[in-house]
N, C-alpha and C. Protein backbone atom coordinates (compact mmCIF):
# COMPACT_ATOMS: atom_id res chain seq x y z
N UNK A 1 37.91 16.13 9.31
CA UNK A 1 37.56 17.56 8.76
C UNK A 1 35.81 16.48 8.61
N UNK A 2 35.12 17.62 9.36
CA UNK A 2 33.41 17.61 8.74
C UNK A 2 32.73 17.91 7.78
N UNK A 3 32.59 17.72 6.66
CA UNK A 3 32.09 18.01 5.20
C UNK A 3 30.40 18.02 5.51
N UNK A 4 29.73 18.99 4.99
CA UNK A 4 27.96 18.84 5.10
C UNK A 4 27.59 17.90 4.51
N UNK A 5 25.69 17.82 4.22
CA UNK A 5 25.76 16.40 3.65
C UNK A 5 25.35 17.04 1.79
N UNK A 6 25.34 18.17 1.79
CA UNK A 6 25.44 19.00 0.15
C UNK A 6 26.83 18.58 -0.60
N UNK A 7 28.21 18.81 -0.05
CA UNK A 7 29.21 18.77 0.08
C UNK A 7 29.54 16.70 -0.25
N UNK A 8 28.75 16.16 1.08
CA UNK A 8 28.91 14.99 1.07
C UNK A 8 29.45 14.58 -0.42
N UNK A 9 27.35 14.44 -0.71
CA UNK A 9 26.40 14.21 -2.00
C UNK A 9 27.41 14.80 -3.00
N UNK A 10 27.90 15.70 -3.01
CA UNK A 10 29.24 16.25 -4.50
C UNK A 10 29.66 15.32 -4.84
N UNK A 11 30.76 15.07 -3.80
CA UNK A 11 32.01 14.16 -3.36
C UNK A 11 31.26 12.79 -3.90
N UNK A 12 30.12 12.51 -3.58
CA UNK A 12 29.55 11.14 -4.16
C UNK A 12 29.48 11.21 -5.19
N UNK A 13 28.79 11.78 -5.75
CA UNK A 13 28.98 12.44 -7.17
C UNK A 13 30.49 12.47 -8.17
N UNK A 14 31.37 12.80 -7.71
CA UNK A 14 32.69 12.62 -8.26
C UNK A 14 33.11 11.11 -8.01
N UNK A 15 32.69 10.36 -8.00
CA UNK A 15 32.82 9.15 -7.33
C UNK A 15 34.28 8.56 -6.24
N UNK A 16 34.04 9.63 -4.97
CA UNK A 16 35.40 9.76 -4.20
C UNK A 16 34.30 8.56 -3.02
N UNK A 17 35.66 7.42 -3.00
CA UNK A 17 35.19 6.56 -2.67
C UNK A 17 35.16 7.05 -0.80
N UNK A 18 35.59 7.69 -0.65
CA UNK A 18 35.79 8.07 0.76
C UNK A 18 34.89 8.27 1.66
N UNK A 19 34.04 9.42 0.46
CA UNK A 19 33.09 10.51 0.66
C UNK A 19 31.57 9.04 0.68
N UNK A 20 32.08 8.08 -0.29
CA UNK A 20 30.75 7.34 -0.08
C UNK A 20 30.91 6.00 0.95
N UNK A 21 31.85 5.87 1.58
CA UNK A 21 31.71 4.91 2.66
C UNK A 21 31.33 5.79 3.36
N UNK A 22 32.10 7.51 3.31
CA UNK A 22 31.20 8.25 4.88
C UNK A 22 29.57 7.98 4.97
N UNK A 23 29.07 8.20 3.32
CA UNK A 23 27.44 8.21 3.54
C UNK A 23 27.20 7.38 4.24
N UNK A 24 27.93 5.37 3.28
CA UNK A 24 26.69 4.46 3.81
C UNK A 24 27.10 4.40 5.38
N UNK A 25 28.32 4.49 5.91
CA UNK A 25 28.31 4.23 7.25
C UNK A 25 27.03 5.26 7.74
N UNK A 26 26.76 6.20 7.53
CA UNK A 26 26.08 7.43 8.00
C UNK A 26 24.40 6.81 8.40
N UNK A 27 24.48 6.01 6.85
CA UNK A 27 23.31 5.95 6.89
C UNK A 27 22.83 4.89 7.31
N UNK A 28 23.67 3.65 6.59
CA UNK A 28 23.54 2.05 6.93
C UNK A 28 22.77 1.34 8.14
N UNK A 29 23.27 2.47 8.91
CA UNK A 29 22.47 1.63 10.27
C UNK A 29 20.97 1.89 10.91
N UNK A 30 20.55 3.10 10.35
CA UNK A 30 18.80 3.42 10.63
C UNK A 30 18.27 2.54 9.06
N UNK A 31 19.11 2.15 8.41
CA UNK A 31 18.79 1.39 6.85
C UNK A 31 18.67 0.24 6.58
N UNK A 32 19.03 -0.59 8.12
CA UNK A 32 19.49 -1.43 8.18
C UNK A 32 17.86 -1.87 9.13
N UNK A 33 17.85 -1.02 9.52
CA UNK A 33 16.46 -1.17 10.50
C UNK A 33 15.17 -1.24 9.85
N UNK A 34 15.48 -1.10 8.86
CA UNK A 34 13.95 -0.64 7.93
C UNK A 34 14.13 -2.42 6.43
N UNK A 35 15.64 -2.35 6.66
CA UNK A 35 15.89 -3.92 5.88
C UNK A 35 15.28 -4.71 7.22
N UNK A 36 15.43 -5.29 7.96
CA UNK A 36 15.00 -6.18 9.14
C UNK A 36 13.61 -5.71 8.86
N UNK A 37 13.08 -4.86 8.76
CA UNK A 37 11.57 -5.51 8.80
C UNK A 37 10.25 -5.55 8.06
N UNK A 38 11.17 -5.57 6.56
CA UNK A 38 11.21 -6.08 5.67
C UNK A 38 11.26 -7.84 5.13
N UNK A 39 12.63 -7.76 6.11
CA UNK A 39 13.27 -9.68 5.43
C UNK A 39 13.26 -10.08 6.61
N UNK A 40 13.17 -11.83 6.20
CA UNK A 40 12.87 -12.74 6.80
C UNK A 40 14.14 -12.90 8.23
N UNK A 41 15.13 -12.54 7.90
CA UNK A 41 16.02 -12.48 9.13
C UNK A 41 17.49 -11.31 8.97
N UNK A 42 18.59 -11.91 9.27
CA UNK A 42 19.60 -10.42 9.23
C UNK A 42 19.86 -10.80 8.19
N UNK A 43 20.31 -12.02 7.47
CA UNK A 43 21.29 -12.16 5.82
C UNK A 43 20.89 -11.69 5.24
N UNK A 44 18.95 -11.70 4.75
CA UNK A 44 18.10 -11.37 4.11
C UNK A 44 18.19 -9.13 3.72
N UNK A 45 18.55 -9.38 4.78
CA UNK A 45 18.01 -7.47 5.05
C UNK A 45 19.24 -7.56 5.17
N UNK A 46 20.71 -7.57 5.40
CA UNK A 46 21.65 -7.30 4.65
C UNK A 46 21.62 -7.31 3.05
N UNK A 47 21.46 -7.94 2.57
CA UNK A 47 21.70 -8.22 1.28
C UNK A 47 20.25 -6.96 0.72
N UNK A 48 19.96 -6.75 1.13
CA UNK A 48 18.40 -5.53 0.99
C UNK A 48 19.95 -4.54 0.94
N UNK A 49 19.79 -4.21 2.29
CA UNK A 49 20.50 -2.98 2.16
C UNK A 49 21.48 -2.45 0.97
N UNK A 50 22.96 -3.97 1.16
CA UNK A 50 23.52 -3.64 -0.15
C UNK A 50 22.96 -2.94 -1.36
N UNK A 51 21.75 -3.97 -1.63
CA UNK A 51 21.17 -3.59 -2.91
C UNK A 51 20.69 -1.86 -2.59
N UNK A 52 20.67 -1.78 -1.77
CA UNK A 52 19.62 -0.40 -1.88
C UNK A 52 20.95 0.53 -1.73
N UNK A 53 21.84 0.94 -1.07
CA UNK A 53 22.99 1.33 -1.70
C UNK A 53 23.33 1.27 -2.85
N UNK A 54 23.52 0.16 -3.31
CA UNK A 54 24.65 0.06 -4.38
C UNK A 54 23.56 1.45 -5.25
N UNK A 55 21.87 1.23 -5.12
CA UNK A 55 20.97 2.16 -6.43
C UNK A 55 20.87 3.63 -5.40
N UNK A 56 21.91 3.88 -4.40
CA UNK A 56 21.47 4.78 -4.04
C UNK A 56 23.38 5.98 -4.64
N UNK A 57 23.87 5.22 -5.04
CA UNK A 57 24.95 5.09 -5.65
C UNK A 57 24.77 5.45 -6.82
N UNK A 58 24.08 4.39 -7.87
CA UNK A 58 23.71 4.43 -8.76
C UNK A 58 23.17 5.84 -8.90
N UNK A 59 21.63 6.08 -7.90
CA UNK A 59 20.41 7.22 -8.80
C UNK A 59 20.82 8.90 -7.86
N UNK A 60 22.47 8.16 -7.02
CA UNK A 60 22.81 9.79 -6.75
C UNK A 60 22.36 11.16 -7.41
N UNK A 61 22.67 11.14 -8.45
CA UNK A 61 22.74 12.48 -9.49
C UNK A 61 20.98 12.68 -9.66
N UNK A 62 19.92 12.03 -9.23
CA UNK A 62 18.52 12.14 -9.48
C UNK A 62 18.05 13.38 -8.22
N UNK A 63 19.20 12.87 -7.14
CA UNK A 63 18.77 13.62 -5.56
C UNK A 63 18.70 15.42 -5.76
N UNK A 64 17.84 15.57 -5.91
CA UNK A 64 18.32 17.26 -5.99
C UNK A 64 18.55 17.95 -5.03
N UNK A 65 18.78 17.40 -3.74
CA UNK A 65 19.02 18.50 -2.45
C UNK A 65 17.77 19.88 -2.10
N UNK A 66 16.95 19.32 -1.69
CA UNK A 66 15.64 19.73 -1.86
C UNK A 66 15.56 19.31 -0.63
N UNK A 67 14.45 17.49 -0.81
CA UNK A 67 14.46 16.87 0.03
C UNK A 67 15.43 16.45 1.50
N UNK A 68 14.96 15.77 2.63
CA UNK A 68 15.90 15.09 3.59
C UNK A 68 16.79 14.05 2.51
N UNK A 69 17.84 14.13 2.80
CA UNK A 69 18.73 13.18 2.16
C UNK A 69 18.64 11.32 2.62
N UNK A 70 18.17 11.93 4.23
CA UNK A 70 17.20 10.64 4.83
C UNK A 70 16.28 10.17 4.29
N UNK A 71 14.91 11.14 4.09
CA UNK A 71 13.74 10.41 3.09
C UNK A 71 14.50 9.99 1.60
N UNK A 72 15.02 10.48 1.13
CA UNK A 72 15.46 9.98 -0.54
C UNK A 72 15.65 8.66 -0.64
N UNK A 73 16.74 8.33 0.79
CA UNK A 73 17.46 7.51 0.86
C UNK A 73 16.30 6.22 1.29
N UNK A 74 15.63 6.26 2.05
CA UNK A 74 14.84 5.31 2.89
C UNK A 74 13.66 5.24 1.47
N UNK A 75 13.81 5.18 0.65
CA UNK A 75 12.86 5.62 -0.22
C UNK A 75 13.11 4.22 -0.97
N UNK A 76 13.84 4.14 -1.08
CA UNK A 76 15.85 3.73 -2.16
C UNK A 76 15.43 2.11 -1.62
N UNK A 77 15.54 2.34 -0.37
CA UNK A 77 15.52 0.83 0.39
C UNK A 77 15.05 0.27 0.78
N UNK A 78 13.21 1.18 1.49
CA UNK A 78 11.78 0.55 0.75
C UNK A 78 11.39 -0.35 -0.50
N UNK A 79 11.68 0.57 -0.99
CA UNK A 79 11.10 -0.02 -3.29
C UNK A 79 12.28 -1.11 -3.08
N UNK A 80 13.76 -1.56 -2.79
CA UNK A 80 14.41 -1.89 -2.91
C UNK A 80 14.39 -3.53 -2.61
N UNK A 81 13.64 -3.58 -0.66
CA UNK A 81 13.34 -4.29 0.08
C UNK A 81 11.60 -4.97 -0.31
N UNK A 82 10.75 -4.00 -1.74
CA UNK A 82 9.67 -5.05 -2.02
C UNK A 82 10.05 -5.61 -3.23
N UNK A 83 10.78 -4.63 -4.13
CA UNK A 83 11.45 -4.91 -5.27
C UNK A 83 11.89 -7.37 -4.62
N UNK A 84 12.68 -6.88 -3.46
CA UNK A 84 13.08 -8.31 -3.00
C UNK A 84 12.26 -9.28 -2.34
N UNK A 85 10.63 -8.71 -2.17
CA UNK A 85 9.60 -9.44 -1.79
C UNK A 85 9.38 -10.44 -3.04
N UNK A 86 8.93 -8.80 -3.96
CA UNK A 86 8.54 -10.29 -5.42
C UNK A 86 9.41 -10.50 -6.16
N UNK A 87 10.55 -10.56 -6.09
CA UNK A 87 11.50 -11.48 -6.90
C UNK A 87 11.68 -12.75 -6.29
N UNK A 88 11.28 -12.98 -4.15
CA UNK A 88 11.57 -14.12 -4.19
C UNK A 88 10.54 -15.24 -4.07
N UNK A 89 9.34 -14.39 -3.82
CA UNK A 89 7.99 -15.22 -3.57
C UNK A 89 6.86 -14.16 -3.83
N UNK A 90 5.69 -14.48 -4.36
CA UNK A 90 4.55 -14.01 -3.94
C UNK A 90 4.24 -13.91 -3.08
N UNK A 91 3.25 -13.89 -2.29
CA UNK A 91 2.48 -12.47 -1.22
C UNK A 91 2.15 -14.28 -0.90
N UNK A 92 2.43 -14.54 0.63
CA UNK A 92 1.29 -15.76 1.10
C UNK A 92 -0.18 -15.38 1.74
N UNK A 93 -0.55 -16.74 1.43
CA UNK A 93 -2.28 -16.05 2.82
C UNK A 93 -2.68 -15.18 2.07
N UNK A 94 -2.34 -14.68 0.78
CA UNK A 94 -4.12 -13.67 0.37
C UNK A 94 -5.38 -14.64 0.79
N UNK A 95 -6.06 -13.40 1.21
CA UNK A 95 -7.08 -13.94 1.32
C UNK A 95 -8.23 -12.33 1.34
N UNK A 96 -9.27 -12.62 0.67
CA UNK A 96 -10.35 -11.24 0.19
C UNK A 96 -10.66 -11.19 1.92
N UNK A 97 -10.66 -9.42 1.81
CA UNK A 97 -11.05 -9.09 3.12
C UNK A 97 -12.57 -9.84 3.14
N UNK A 98 -13.36 -10.15 2.04
CA UNK A 98 -15.12 -10.66 3.26
C UNK A 98 -15.24 -11.90 3.13
N UNK A 99 -14.09 -12.82 3.27
CA UNK A 99 -13.78 -14.48 3.79
C UNK A 99 -13.24 -14.24 4.19
N UNK A 100 -12.51 -13.06 5.22
CA UNK A 100 -12.48 -13.18 6.81
C UNK A 100 -13.29 -13.11 7.75
N UNK A 101 -12.92 -14.39 8.49
CA UNK A 101 -14.47 -14.85 9.58
C UNK A 101 -14.24 -14.26 10.84
N UNK A 102 -12.92 -13.60 10.94
CA UNK A 102 -12.54 -13.38 12.67
C UNK A 102 -12.76 -11.45 12.60
N UNK A 103 -12.73 -11.13 13.98
CA UNK A 103 -12.79 -10.07 14.54
C UNK A 103 -11.75 -9.49 15.54
N UNK A 104 -10.70 -8.78 15.29
CA UNK A 104 -9.44 -8.74 16.73
C UNK A 104 -10.60 -8.10 18.17
N UNK A 105 -10.07 -8.30 19.02
CA UNK A 105 -10.45 -8.17 20.19
C UNK A 105 -9.41 -7.71 21.38
N UNK A 106 -10.05 -6.86 22.24
CA UNK A 106 -9.06 -6.63 23.45
C UNK A 106 -8.38 -5.39 22.64
N UNK A 107 -8.32 -4.83 21.87
CA UNK A 107 -7.65 -4.17 21.13
C UNK A 107 -6.61 -3.16 22.61
N UNK A 108 -5.49 -3.26 22.26
CA UNK A 108 -4.75 -2.47 23.65
C UNK A 108 -3.60 -1.97 22.51
N UNK A 109 -3.66 -0.35 23.13
CA UNK A 109 -2.62 0.24 22.06
C UNK A 109 -1.31 0.42 22.66
N UNK A 110 -1.29 -0.01 24.27
CA UNK A 110 -0.37 -0.18 24.59
C UNK A 110 0.54 -1.09 25.06
N UNK A 111 -0.48 -2.37 24.05
CA UNK A 111 0.91 -3.42 24.40
C UNK A 111 2.20 -3.14 23.18
N UNK A 112 2.39 -2.52 22.43
CA UNK A 112 3.70 -2.39 21.70
C UNK A 112 4.55 -1.88 22.41
N UNK A 113 4.38 -0.66 23.54
CA UNK A 113 4.55 0.09 24.52
C UNK A 113 5.42 -1.47 25.81
N UNK A 114 5.25 -1.87 25.64
CA UNK A 114 5.58 -3.42 26.75
C UNK A 114 6.27 -3.85 26.25
N UNK A 115 6.88 -3.92 24.66
CA UNK A 115 7.87 -4.57 24.65
C UNK A 115 8.77 -4.25 23.58
N UNK A 116 9.86 -4.45 23.85
CA UNK A 116 11.35 -4.12 23.44
C UNK A 116 11.26 -4.17 22.01
N UNK A 117 12.03 -3.03 20.87
CA UNK A 117 12.10 -3.19 20.13
C UNK A 117 12.35 -4.39 18.70
N UNK A 118 13.62 -4.47 19.62
CA UNK A 118 13.97 -6.33 19.20
C UNK A 118 12.86 -7.08 19.11
N UNK A 119 12.32 -7.84 20.39
CA UNK A 119 11.05 -8.64 20.69
C UNK A 119 9.78 -8.25 19.27
N UNK A 120 9.73 -6.61 19.16
CA UNK A 120 9.15 -6.56 18.30
C UNK A 120 9.51 -6.60 16.73
N UNK A 121 10.47 -6.40 16.42
CA UNK A 121 10.98 -6.66 15.29
C UNK A 121 11.17 -8.56 15.06
N UNK A 122 11.60 -9.24 16.22
CA UNK A 122 11.56 -10.73 15.83
C UNK A 122 9.65 -11.31 15.52
N UNK A 123 9.18 -10.06 15.99
CA UNK A 123 7.57 -10.69 15.89
C UNK A 123 7.47 -10.45 14.17
N UNK A 124 7.31 -9.03 13.98
CA UNK A 124 7.13 -8.61 12.88
C UNK A 124 8.04 -9.70 11.74
N UNK A 125 9.21 -10.20 11.96
CA UNK A 125 10.11 -10.94 11.12
C UNK A 125 9.59 -12.39 10.98
N UNK A 126 8.97 -12.68 11.59
CA UNK A 126 7.97 -14.40 12.17
C UNK A 126 6.98 -14.44 11.20
N UNK A 127 5.90 -12.58 10.54
CA UNK A 127 5.41 -12.77 10.03
C UNK A 127 5.28 -13.39 8.69
N UNK A 128 4.26 -14.42 8.22
CA UNK A 128 4.21 -14.44 6.53
C UNK A 128 4.68 -13.89 5.94
N UNK A 129 5.29 -13.29 4.68
CA UNK A 129 5.98 -12.49 3.78
C UNK A 129 4.33 -11.95 3.71
N UNK A 130 3.64 -11.70 3.09
CA UNK A 130 2.23 -10.81 2.71
C UNK A 130 1.42 -9.58 4.10
N UNK A 131 1.64 -10.44 4.80
CA UNK A 131 1.76 -10.17 6.29
C UNK A 131 2.54 -8.75 7.09
N UNK A 132 3.90 -9.03 6.91
CA UNK A 132 4.90 -8.44 7.36
C UNK A 132 4.94 -7.29 6.01
N UNK A 133 5.06 -7.60 4.47
CA UNK A 133 4.61 -6.29 4.23
C UNK A 133 4.05 -5.60 3.70
N UNK A 134 2.48 -5.48 4.78
CA UNK A 134 1.42 -5.04 4.14
C UNK A 134 1.76 -4.55 5.28
N UNK A 135 1.46 -4.54 6.58
CA UNK A 135 1.90 -4.31 7.63
C UNK A 135 2.91 -3.50 7.91
N UNK A 136 4.59 -3.33 7.54
CA UNK A 136 5.00 -2.45 7.17
C UNK A 136 5.37 -1.34 6.65
N UNK A 137 3.82 -1.39 5.48
CA UNK A 137 3.86 -0.38 4.64
C UNK A 137 3.34 0.69 5.09
N UNK A 138 1.72 -0.05 6.18
CA UNK A 138 0.90 0.45 6.60
C UNK A 138 1.15 1.60 7.63
N UNK A 139 1.82 0.60 8.68
CA UNK A 139 1.68 1.23 9.64
C UNK A 139 3.29 2.02 9.88
N UNK A 140 4.52 1.13 9.61
CA UNK A 140 5.32 1.83 9.93
C UNK A 140 5.33 3.42 8.12
N UNK A 141 5.65 2.73 6.94
CA UNK A 141 6.20 3.73 6.10
C UNK A 141 4.87 4.73 5.58
N UNK A 142 3.66 5.12 6.57
CA UNK A 142 2.29 5.48 6.34
C UNK A 142 1.81 5.27 4.99
N UNK A 143 2.60 4.10 4.67
CA UNK A 143 1.32 4.26 2.56
C UNK A 143 -0.41 4.30 3.12
N UNK A 144 -1.19 4.17 1.65
CA UNK A 144 -2.65 3.84 1.78
C UNK A 144 -2.87 2.33 1.69
N UNK A 145 -3.83 1.52 1.81
CA UNK A 145 -4.27 -0.03 1.26
C UNK A 145 -3.95 0.76 -0.35
N UNK A 146 -5.04 1.61 -0.83
CA UNK A 146 -4.45 2.16 -2.59
C UNK A 146 -3.16 1.84 -3.10
N UNK A 147 -2.47 2.65 -1.72
CA UNK A 147 -1.01 3.14 -2.99
C UNK A 147 -0.18 1.50 -2.18
N UNK A 148 -0.26 1.22 -1.72
CA UNK A 148 0.02 -0.89 -1.44
C UNK A 148 -0.37 -1.87 -2.21
N UNK A 149 -1.62 -1.95 -2.86
CA UNK A 149 -2.34 -2.56 -3.77
C UNK A 149 -1.40 -1.85 -5.19
N UNK A 150 -1.69 -0.51 -5.19
CA UNK A 150 -0.84 0.00 -6.38
C UNK A 150 0.49 -0.76 -6.43
N UNK A 151 1.66 -0.83 -5.63
CA UNK A 151 2.95 -1.31 -5.10
C UNK A 151 3.38 -2.39 -5.22
N UNK A 152 2.43 -3.37 -5.12
CA UNK A 152 2.12 -4.93 -4.83
C UNK A 152 1.56 -5.82 -5.71
N UNK A 153 0.67 -4.84 -6.76
CA UNK A 153 -0.13 -5.13 -7.62
C UNK A 153 -0.90 -6.28 -7.27
N UNK A 154 -1.64 -5.32 -6.23
CA UNK A 154 -2.93 -6.67 -5.89
C UNK A 154 -4.13 -5.79 -5.60
N UNK A 155 -4.98 -6.19 -5.00
CA UNK A 155 -6.63 -5.80 -4.41
C UNK A 155 -6.25 -4.53 -3.35
N UNK A 156 -6.65 -3.92 -3.36
CA UNK A 156 -7.00 -2.72 -2.02
C UNK A 156 -8.27 -3.66 -1.01
N UNK A 157 -8.96 -4.64 -1.22
CA UNK A 157 -9.29 -5.37 0.19
C UNK A 157 -8.27 -6.73 0.49
N UNK A 158 -7.50 -7.13 -0.41
CA UNK A 158 -6.01 -8.29 -0.35
C UNK A 158 -5.25 -7.69 0.62
N UNK A 159 -4.51 -6.09 0.33
CA UNK A 159 -3.88 -5.11 1.41
C UNK A 159 -4.76 -4.85 2.26
N UNK A 160 -6.09 -4.80 2.31
CA UNK A 160 -6.99 -5.01 3.90
C UNK A 160 -6.71 -6.13 4.69
N UNK A 161 -7.11 -7.31 3.64
CA UNK A 161 -7.19 -8.13 4.81
C UNK A 161 -5.94 -8.79 4.96
N UNK A 162 -4.74 -8.96 4.50
CA UNK A 162 -3.43 -8.83 4.64
C UNK A 162 -2.66 -8.19 6.45
N UNK A 163 -3.66 -6.91 6.05
CA UNK A 163 -3.36 -5.80 7.79
C UNK A 163 -3.80 -6.38 8.63
N UNK A 164 -5.13 -7.04 8.54
CA UNK A 164 -5.92 -7.12 9.60
C UNK A 164 -5.70 -8.72 9.82
N UNK A 165 -5.26 -9.79 9.15
CA UNK A 165 -4.42 -10.65 9.46
C UNK A 165 -3.29 -10.50 10.21
N UNK A 166 -2.49 -9.73 9.28
CA UNK A 166 -1.18 -8.86 10.23
C UNK A 166 -1.25 -8.70 11.62
N UNK A 167 -1.81 -8.04 12.09
CA UNK A 167 -3.03 -7.24 13.11
C UNK A 167 -2.91 -8.31 14.46
N UNK A 168 -3.97 -9.73 13.91
CA UNK A 168 -4.64 -10.23 14.50
C UNK A 168 -3.39 -11.24 15.11
N UNK A 169 -2.53 -11.55 13.99
CA UNK A 169 -1.05 -12.32 14.10
C UNK A 169 -0.81 -11.88 15.20
N UNK A 170 -0.53 -10.30 15.99
CA UNK A 170 0.80 -9.46 16.51
C UNK A 170 0.29 -9.98 17.42
N UNK A 171 -1.60 -9.44 17.61
CA UNK A 171 -2.54 -10.21 19.04
C UNK A 171 -2.45 -11.78 19.71
N UNK A 172 -1.84 -12.53 19.02
CA UNK A 172 -2.07 -13.93 18.84
C UNK A 172 -0.64 -13.95 19.83
N UNK A 173 0.68 -13.20 19.42
CA UNK A 173 1.94 -13.06 20.22
C UNK A 173 1.46 -12.47 21.65
N UNK A 174 1.09 -10.98 21.28
CA UNK A 174 0.74 -10.20 22.65
C UNK A 174 0.54 -11.34 23.35
N UNK A 175 -0.74 -12.08 23.05
CA UNK A 175 -1.60 -12.98 24.33
C UNK A 175 -0.05 -13.62 24.84
N UNK A 176 -0.26 -14.43 23.48
CA UNK A 176 0.65 -15.90 24.23
C UNK A 176 2.14 -15.43 24.80
N UNK A 177 2.71 -14.13 24.84
CA UNK A 177 3.26 -14.06 25.64
C UNK A 177 3.42 -13.25 26.10
N UNK A 178 2.36 -12.42 26.94
CA UNK A 178 1.20 -12.37 28.54
C UNK A 178 1.35 -11.33 28.34
N UNK A 179 2.09 -10.12 27.00
CA UNK A 179 1.66 -8.94 26.97
C UNK A 179 0.69 -7.73 27.18
N UNK A 180 -0.32 -8.86 26.26
CA UNK A 180 -1.73 -8.55 26.90
C UNK A 180 -2.33 -9.35 27.02
N UNK A 181 -3.97 -9.42 27.70
CA UNK A 181 -4.62 -10.81 27.37
C UNK A 181 -5.98 -10.71 27.64
């Protein structure tokens, strides 16, 4: 028997274990992709996913069913990943934007298209924590540098610096792998 999203949420609110399992199975694969982008490895991503879904079920009564459930869950997962980063380590390699003495050259918008999603994920996971966090928030989640600064308790210039350095790091890998020249 197939139930719609609203019925599934209501059953989860009633603490129906089967409905909770169904909700987790439906969304966990997509949310694992989010977790992998913010984590250094699969094990850490799985931990973030589990912690995130615990929060989803704890806060499910706050979901008003007016917006996308997928978007609501994603926001909780991203916030859980950010909490995990804050808990485990301070942002590394923070440099004020005014001190950055390099510029990206040979910007190639199609370079990322040449990489498989798996290869790109490996490169993102290999980035230092500060680079990875700001890169994900800015490029993938669509946060502004001001929002990133507020969320991570850093300056806007640090957010911009981390993003700039993440792009340079990514470009270096793309050149090394001969995806761009």
